[in-house]
N, C-alpha and C. Protein backbone atom coordinates (compact mmCIF):
# COMPACT_ATOMS: atom_id res chain seq x y z
N UNK A 1 74.37 122.53 121.30
CA UNK A 1 74.28 122.00 119.95
C UNK A 1 74.72 123.07 118.96
N UNK A 2 75.55 122.69 118.00
CA UNK A 2 76.06 123.62 117.00
C UNK A 2 74.97 123.92 115.97
N UNK A 3 74.95 125.14 115.46
CA UNK A 3 73.97 125.47 114.42
C UNK A 3 74.17 124.62 113.17
N UNK A 4 73.10 124.39 112.46
CA UNK A 4 73.15 123.58 111.24
C UNK A 4 74.13 124.17 110.23
N UNK A 5 74.26 125.47 110.17
CA UNK A 5 75.13 126.14 109.21
C UNK A 5 76.57 125.70 109.28
N UNK A 6 77.00 125.14 110.39
CA UNK A 6 78.39 124.72 110.51
C UNK A 6 78.71 123.52 109.62
N UNK A 7 77.71 122.82 109.14
CA UNK A 7 77.93 121.69 108.22
C UNK A 7 77.99 122.14 106.77
N UNK A 8 77.61 123.37 106.51
CA UNK A 8 77.51 123.84 105.13
C UNK A 8 78.81 123.72 104.35
N UNK A 9 79.93 124.09 104.95
CA UNK A 9 81.21 124.05 104.24
C UNK A 9 81.57 122.61 103.85
N UNK A 10 81.36 121.68 104.77
CA UNK A 10 81.68 120.28 104.47
C UNK A 10 80.75 119.70 103.42
N UNK A 11 79.46 119.97 103.53
CA UNK A 11 78.53 119.42 102.54
C UNK A 11 78.69 120.09 101.19
N UNK A 12 79.15 121.34 101.18
CA UNK A 12 79.42 122.00 99.89
C UNK A 12 80.54 121.28 99.15
N UNK A 13 81.51 120.75 99.88
CA UNK A 13 82.63 120.04 99.26
C UNK A 13 82.30 118.57 99.03
N UNK A 14 81.75 117.90 100.03
CA UNK A 14 81.54 116.45 99.97
C UNK A 14 80.14 116.03 99.53
N UNK A 15 79.27 116.99 99.26
CA UNK A 15 77.87 116.69 99.05
C UNK A 15 77.46 116.21 97.68
N UNK A 16 78.36 116.02 96.75
CA UNK A 16 77.96 115.49 95.45
C UNK A 16 78.41 114.03 95.33
N UNK A 17 77.99 113.41 94.27
CA UNK A 17 78.26 111.97 94.07
C UNK A 17 79.75 111.66 93.93
N UNK A 18 80.48 112.47 93.19
CA UNK A 18 81.83 112.10 92.80
C UNK A 18 82.93 112.53 93.74
N UNK A 19 82.78 113.64 94.42
CA UNK A 19 83.90 114.17 95.21
C UNK A 19 84.41 113.22 96.28
N UNK A 20 83.56 112.64 97.13
CA UNK A 20 84.10 111.68 98.11
C UNK A 20 84.75 110.47 97.43
N UNK A 21 84.19 110.04 96.32
CA UNK A 21 84.76 108.90 95.59
C UNK A 21 86.15 109.24 95.06
N UNK A 22 86.32 110.46 94.59
CA UNK A 22 87.63 110.87 94.07
C UNK A 22 88.63 111.05 95.21
N UNK A 23 88.20 111.67 96.28
CA UNK A 23 89.11 111.93 97.39
C UNK A 23 89.62 110.65 98.05
N UNK A 24 88.84 109.59 97.98
CA UNK A 24 89.28 108.34 98.61
C UNK A 24 90.56 107.80 97.98
N UNK A 25 90.81 108.13 96.71
CA UNK A 25 92.02 107.65 96.04
C UNK A 25 93.27 108.32 96.59
N UNK A 26 93.10 109.44 97.28
CA UNK A 26 94.24 110.11 97.90
C UNK A 26 94.59 109.47 99.25
N UNK A 27 93.74 108.57 99.74
CA UNK A 27 94.03 107.88 101.00
C UNK A 27 95.22 106.94 100.83
N UNK A 28 95.36 106.37 99.64
CA UNK A 28 96.42 105.40 99.38
C UNK A 28 97.53 105.94 98.48
N UNK A 29 97.31 107.11 97.90
CA UNK A 29 98.27 107.68 96.95
C UNK A 29 98.58 109.12 97.33
N UNK A 30 99.85 109.44 97.43
CA UNK A 30 100.25 110.80 97.76
C UNK A 30 99.93 111.76 96.62
N UNK A 31 100.15 111.32 95.39
CA UNK A 31 99.81 112.10 94.21
C UNK A 31 99.04 111.22 93.24
N UNK A 32 98.15 111.85 92.49
CA UNK A 32 97.34 111.13 91.51
C UNK A 32 97.23 111.98 90.26
N UNK A 33 97.34 111.35 89.11
CA UNK A 33 97.19 112.05 87.83
C UNK A 33 95.73 111.96 87.36
N UNK A 34 95.36 112.86 86.47
CA UNK A 34 94.00 112.91 85.94
C UNK A 34 93.58 111.55 85.38
N UNK A 35 94.44 110.97 84.54
CA UNK A 35 94.09 109.69 83.91
C UNK A 35 93.95 108.57 84.94
N UNK A 36 94.75 108.63 86.01
CA UNK A 36 94.60 107.64 87.08
C UNK A 36 93.25 107.78 87.76
N UNK A 37 92.87 109.01 88.07
CA UNK A 37 91.56 109.24 88.70
C UNK A 37 90.43 108.76 87.81
N UNK A 38 90.56 109.03 86.53
CA UNK A 38 89.54 108.60 85.58
C UNK A 38 89.44 107.08 85.55
N UNK A 39 90.58 106.39 85.53
CA UNK A 39 90.58 104.93 85.53
C UNK A 39 90.04 104.37 86.84
N UNK A 40 90.47 104.94 87.97
CA UNK A 40 90.06 104.43 89.27
C UNK A 40 88.57 104.66 89.53
N UNK A 41 88.06 105.80 89.09
CA UNK A 41 86.65 106.13 89.34
C UNK A 41 85.72 105.35 88.42
N UNK A 42 86.23 104.88 87.31
CA UNK A 42 85.41 104.08 86.42
C UNK A 42 84.60 104.90 85.44
N UNK A 43 83.34 105.12 85.74
CA UNK A 43 82.44 105.70 84.74
C UNK A 43 82.26 107.22 84.85
N UNK A 44 83.24 107.93 85.36
CA UNK A 44 83.12 109.39 85.44
C UNK A 44 83.44 110.02 84.08
N UNK A 45 82.62 110.97 83.70
CA UNK A 45 82.83 111.72 82.48
C UNK A 45 84.04 112.64 82.67
N UNK A 46 84.92 112.75 81.68
CA UNK A 46 86.10 113.61 81.83
C UNK A 46 85.77 115.06 82.17
N UNK A 47 84.67 115.58 81.64
CA UNK A 47 84.26 116.96 81.97
C UNK A 47 83.84 117.07 83.43
N UNK A 48 83.16 116.05 83.93
CA UNK A 48 82.77 116.04 85.34
C UNK A 48 83.99 115.95 86.22
N UNK A 49 84.92 115.08 85.86
CA UNK A 49 86.15 114.94 86.62
C UNK A 49 86.91 116.26 86.66
N UNK A 50 87.04 116.89 85.52
CA UNK A 50 87.73 118.16 85.45
C UNK A 50 87.05 119.21 86.33
N UNK A 51 85.73 119.28 86.27
CA UNK A 51 84.98 120.24 87.08
C UNK A 51 85.18 119.99 88.58
N UNK A 52 85.16 118.72 88.98
CA UNK A 52 85.35 118.38 90.41
C UNK A 52 86.75 118.75 90.86
N UNK A 53 87.75 118.48 90.03
CA UNK A 53 89.13 118.82 90.39
C UNK A 53 89.32 120.33 90.51
N UNK A 54 88.71 121.08 89.62
CA UNK A 54 88.79 122.54 89.70
C UNK A 54 88.13 123.03 90.99
N UNK A 55 86.96 122.48 91.32
CA UNK A 55 86.27 122.88 92.54
C UNK A 55 87.12 122.55 93.78
N UNK A 56 87.72 121.37 93.80
CA UNK A 56 88.57 120.99 94.93
C UNK A 56 89.82 121.86 95.02
N UNK A 57 90.37 122.21 93.88
CA UNK A 57 91.53 123.09 93.88
C UNK A 57 91.15 124.49 94.36
N UNK A 58 90.03 125.01 93.86
CA UNK A 58 89.57 126.33 94.28
C UNK A 58 89.18 126.38 95.75
N UNK A 59 88.78 125.24 96.30
CA UNK A 59 88.42 125.15 97.72
C UNK A 59 89.63 124.94 98.61
N UNK A 60 90.81 124.75 98.02
CA UNK A 60 92.02 124.54 98.80
C UNK A 60 92.18 123.13 99.32
N UNK A 61 91.47 122.16 98.72
CA UNK A 61 91.53 120.77 99.16
C UNK A 61 92.66 120.02 98.46
N UNK A 62 92.85 120.31 97.19
CA UNK A 62 93.93 119.68 96.43
C UNK A 62 94.80 120.76 95.80
N UNK A 63 95.97 120.34 95.39
CA UNK A 63 96.91 121.23 94.72
C UNK A 63 97.32 120.56 93.41
N UNK A 64 97.30 121.33 92.34
CA UNK A 64 97.68 120.85 91.02
C UNK A 64 99.15 121.17 90.80
N UNK A 65 99.93 120.15 90.44
CA UNK A 65 101.36 120.32 90.23
C UNK A 65 101.70 119.95 88.79
N UNK A 66 102.13 120.93 87.99
CA UNK A 66 102.49 120.64 86.59
C UNK A 66 103.67 119.67 86.51
N UNK A 67 103.60 118.79 85.54
CA UNK A 67 104.67 117.84 85.26
C UNK A 67 105.19 118.15 83.86
N UNK A 68 105.87 117.21 83.25
CA UNK A 68 106.38 117.42 81.90
C UNK A 68 105.23 117.46 80.89
N UNK A 69 105.38 118.30 79.87
CA UNK A 69 104.35 118.42 78.85
C UNK A 69 103.07 118.98 79.43
N UNK A 70 101.96 118.39 79.04
CA UNK A 70 100.66 118.87 79.53
C UNK A 70 100.17 118.08 80.74
N UNK A 71 101.00 117.20 81.25
CA UNK A 71 100.61 116.36 82.39
C UNK A 71 100.73 117.13 83.70
N UNK A 72 99.90 116.71 84.65
CA UNK A 72 99.99 117.28 85.99
C UNK A 72 99.57 116.23 87.00
N UNK A 73 99.95 116.45 88.22
CA UNK A 73 99.58 115.58 89.33
C UNK A 73 98.81 116.41 90.34
N UNK A 74 97.96 115.73 91.07
CA UNK A 74 97.19 116.36 92.12
C UNK A 74 97.58 115.73 93.45
N UNK A 75 97.65 116.56 94.48
CA UNK A 75 97.93 116.06 95.82
C UNK A 75 97.06 116.84 96.81
N UNK A 76 96.86 116.25 97.97
CA UNK A 76 96.06 116.90 99.00
C UNK A 76 96.86 118.01 99.67
N UNK A 77 96.19 119.08 99.99
CA UNK A 77 96.77 120.13 100.81
C UNK A 77 96.57 119.72 102.28
N UNK A 78 97.03 120.53 103.19
CA UNK A 78 96.79 120.26 104.61
C UNK A 78 95.28 120.22 104.88
N UNK A 79 94.55 121.13 104.27
CA UNK A 79 93.09 121.17 104.41
C UNK A 79 92.48 119.86 103.90
N UNK A 80 93.00 119.37 102.79
CA UNK A 80 92.52 118.11 102.23
C UNK A 80 92.88 116.92 103.11
N UNK A 81 94.09 116.94 103.67
CA UNK A 81 94.51 115.87 104.59
C UNK A 81 93.57 115.79 105.79
N UNK A 82 93.09 116.94 106.23
CA UNK A 82 92.18 116.98 107.38
C UNK A 82 90.82 116.35 107.06
N UNK A 83 90.50 116.16 105.78
CA UNK A 83 89.26 115.49 105.39
C UNK A 83 89.37 113.96 105.44
N UNK A 84 90.57 113.44 105.44
CA UNK A 84 90.73 111.97 105.39
C UNK A 84 90.04 111.24 106.53
N UNK A 85 90.12 111.72 107.77
CA UNK A 85 89.38 111.02 108.84
C UNK A 85 87.87 111.02 108.60
N UNK A 86 87.34 112.08 108.00
CA UNK A 86 85.92 112.13 107.68
C UNK A 86 85.58 111.05 106.66
N UNK A 87 86.43 110.92 105.63
CA UNK A 87 86.21 109.90 104.60
C UNK A 87 86.34 108.50 105.18
N UNK A 88 87.29 108.31 106.09
CA UNK A 88 87.45 107.01 106.74
C UNK A 88 86.20 106.66 107.56
N UNK A 89 85.63 107.63 108.25
CA UNK A 89 84.40 107.39 109.00
C UNK A 89 83.24 107.06 108.06
N UNK A 90 83.16 107.75 106.94
CA UNK A 90 82.12 107.46 105.96
C UNK A 90 82.29 106.04 105.41
N UNK A 91 83.54 105.65 105.18
CA UNK A 91 83.84 104.30 104.70
C UNK A 91 83.41 103.26 105.73
N UNK A 92 83.77 103.49 106.98
CA UNK A 92 83.42 102.54 108.05
C UNK A 92 81.91 102.43 108.21
N UNK A 93 81.22 103.56 108.16
CA UNK A 93 79.77 103.57 108.29
C UNK A 93 79.14 102.78 107.14
N UNK A 94 79.63 103.02 105.91
CA UNK A 94 79.11 102.30 104.75
C UNK A 94 79.31 100.80 104.88
N UNK A 95 80.48 100.39 105.34
CA UNK A 95 80.75 98.96 105.55
C UNK A 95 79.83 98.37 106.59
N UNK A 96 79.55 99.11 107.65
CA UNK A 96 78.73 98.60 108.73
C UNK A 96 77.26 98.44 108.32
N UNK A 97 76.76 99.36 107.51
CA UNK A 97 75.32 99.37 107.24
C UNK A 97 74.94 98.97 105.82
N UNK A 98 75.92 98.55 105.03
CA UNK A 98 75.61 98.08 103.68
C UNK A 98 75.75 96.58 103.66
N UNK A 99 74.69 95.92 103.22
CA UNK A 99 74.78 94.46 103.15
C UNK A 99 75.68 94.03 102.02
N UNK A 100 76.43 92.98 102.27
CA UNK A 100 77.40 92.50 101.27
C UNK A 100 76.74 91.64 100.24
């Protein structure tokens, strides 16, 4: 059995309310803009969204790519791509055990 500490890195990234919800939008989109994430997530505060994106970028999960003007796009890094199967399993588990 692996020590409990081996889950720490994953729960540090995925353990808050918004991060898994934001990362799921990268499952269907190669790149996503800030305003798209805000619209897709619904009721997320812009400051919270900004903080989560900075944390994901600092963790090497996403990469920020400047566009024209002050716009930028975010995309998953290889490390972030490796999280997609985890998110898919979380999605499947939620579907299985959440009543419709």
